[in-house]
């Protein structure tokens, strides 16, 4: 059975999708962009954007009773691979003890609202 997971601590969906779906202990989180859920404003600059995306993902994980330790797969979209090193350092800081998920990072020509980074995740209840 599919359960839709939603929280006001992450941005509301800007299209016909859910923030996340929980199916048989697996949480599928839609791509998050750097929108501050308290203001609805987009943030700018790869450092602040990456932190906001990770905060949005954390809020959704917590709503489902999970944390970054439950994440088994991430997909990262960057508008420019020139931002990879900065994004990667910030991203890594959210995972304790080197408990990193599988991941791919790809450069794309454009992201929703012309942001610099979007990240989606898959997490599993252990």
Protein backbone atom coordinates (compact mmCIF):
# COMPACT_ATOMS: atom_id res chain seq x y z
CA UNK A 1 0.00 0.00 0.00
CA UNK A 2 1.28 3.45 -0.92
CA UNK A 3 1.32 6.21 1.69
CA UNK A 4 1.87 9.81 0.59
CA UNK A 5 4.34 11.60 2.86
CA UNK A 6 4.03 15.36 3.12
CA UNK A 7 5.30 18.03 5.50
CA UNK A 8 5.02 21.80 5.75
CA UNK A 9 8.73 21.82 6.69
CA UNK A 10 9.64 21.23 3.03
CA UNK A 11 8.36 23.10 -0.03
CA UNK A 12 4.98 22.10 -1.37
CA UNK A 13 5.01 20.30 -4.70
CA UNK A 14 5.02 22.72 -7.65
CA UNK A 15 3.40 20.21 -9.98
CA UNK A 16 1.33 17.01 -10.05
CA UNK A 17 3.55 14.96 -7.72
CA UNK A 18 3.97 14.15 -4.02
CA UNK A 19 6.88 15.19 -1.83
CA UNK A 20 7.38 11.48 -1.18
CA UNK A 21 5.71 8.08 -1.32
CA UNK A 22 6.27 5.28 1.19
CA UNK A 23 5.76 1.76 -0.18
CA UNK A 24 6.68 -1.41 1.74
CA UNK A 25 9.21 0.41 3.91
CA UNK A 26 10.84 2.22 0.97
CA UNK A 27 10.56 6.01 0.79
CA UNK A 28 10.81 7.61 -2.66
CA UNK A 29 11.49 11.34 -2.28
CA UNK A 30 10.83 13.66 -5.21
CA UNK A 31 13.61 15.97 -6.33
CA UNK A 32 14.00 18.91 -3.98
CA UNK A 33 15.12 22.35 -5.05
CA UNK A 34 16.34 25.24 -2.86
CA UNK A 35 13.03 26.75 -1.84
CA UNK A 36 12.82 27.93 1.76
CA UNK A 37 9.51 26.44 2.94
CA UNK A 38 8.99 29.16 5.54
CA UNK A 39 9.04 31.97 2.95
CA UNK A 40 8.50 30.22 -0.38
CA UNK A 41 11.55 32.06 -1.70
CA UNK A 42 14.22 30.54 -3.91
CA UNK A 43 17.75 30.75 -2.57
CA UNK A 44 20.74 31.57 -4.75
CA UNK A 45 24.36 30.42 -4.71
CA UNK A 46 25.47 26.78 -4.75
CA UNK A 47 26.43 26.65 -1.05
CA UNK A 48 23.17 28.00 0.33
CA UNK A 49 21.17 26.12 -2.33
CA UNK A 50 22.74 22.78 -1.42
CA UNK A 51 22.18 23.31 2.31
CA UNK A 52 18.51 24.21 1.69
CA UNK A 53 17.95 21.18 -0.52
CA UNK A 54 19.44 18.92 2.16
CA UNK A 55 17.28 20.58 4.86
CA UNK A 56 14.19 19.99 2.70
CA UNK A 57 15.15 16.33 2.23
CA UNK A 58 15.80 15.97 5.97
CA UNK A 59 12.32 17.34 6.78
CA UNK A 60 10.69 14.78 4.47
CA UNK A 61 12.81 11.94 5.85
CA UNK A 62 11.87 12.95 9.40
CA UNK A 63 8.18 13.12 8.51
CA UNK A 64 8.51 9.45 7.47
CA UNK A 65 10.35 8.59 10.71
CA UNK A 66 13.74 8.31 9.02
CA UNK A 67 17.02 10.16 8.67
CA UNK A 68 19.98 10.36 6.31
CA UNK A 69 21.21 7.02 7.67
CA UNK A 70 18.22 5.39 5.96
CA UNK A 71 19.08 6.79 2.51
CA UNK A 72 20.18 4.06 0.09
CA UNK A 73 20.23 6.05 -3.18
CA UNK A 74 20.57 9.70 -4.22
CA UNK A 75 20.35 11.36 -7.59
CA UNK A 76 21.90 14.80 -7.94
CA UNK A 77 21.30 17.17 -10.83
CA UNK A 78 23.64 20.13 -11.26
CA UNK A 79 23.29 22.98 -13.71
CA UNK A 80 27.10 23.14 -13.82
CA UNK A 81 29.73 20.54 -12.91
CA UNK A 82 31.86 23.51 -11.87
CA UNK A 83 29.73 23.42 -8.67
CA UNK A 84 30.47 19.73 -8.00
CA UNK A 85 33.23 20.11 -5.39
CA UNK A 86 31.29 22.63 -3.27
CA UNK A 87 28.03 20.69 -3.51
CA UNK A 88 29.81 17.39 -2.78
CA UNK A 89 31.45 18.68 0.41
CA UNK A 90 28.15 20.05 1.75
CA UNK A 91 26.22 16.91 0.73
CA UNK A 92 28.77 14.64 2.47
CA UNK A 93 28.50 16.64 5.71
CA UNK A 94 24.90 15.44 6.20
CA UNK A 95 25.90 11.77 6.39
CA UNK A 96 27.46 10.53 9.65
CA UNK A 97 30.43 8.22 9.74
CA UNK A 98 30.79 7.81 5.99
CA UNK A 99 27.40 6.09 5.76
CA UNK A 100 26.94 7.23 2.17
CA UNK A 101 24.22 6.02 -0.19
CA UNK A 102 24.73 4.91 -3.78
CA UNK A 103 24.61 7.96 -6.01
CA UNK A 104 24.96 9.54 -9.41
CA UNK A 105 25.51 13.18 -10.24
CA UNK A 106 24.70 14.56 -13.66
CA UNK A 107 24.94 17.95 -15.29
CA UNK A 108 21.73 19.15 -16.92
CA UNK A 109 21.00 22.16 -19.09
CA UNK A 110 18.18 23.49 -16.93
CA UNK A 111 16.37 22.73 -13.68
CA UNK A 112 12.96 23.84 -12.36
CA UNK A 113 12.92 27.57 -11.62
CA UNK A 114 16.47 27.73 -13.04
CA UNK A 115 18.09 26.58 -9.77
CA UNK A 116 21.65 25.23 -9.60
CA UNK A 117 20.94 21.92 -7.83
CA UNK A 118 18.16 19.37 -7.37
CA UNK A 119 18.45 16.16 -5.32
CA UNK A 120 16.10 13.18 -5.01
CA UNK A 121 16.51 10.24 -2.64
CA UNK A 122 15.35 6.72 -1.90
CA UNK A 123 15.40 5.63 1.73
CA UNK A 124 14.57 2.35 3.45
CA UNK A 125 13.17 1.63 6.91
CA UNK A 126 15.56 -0.71 8.69
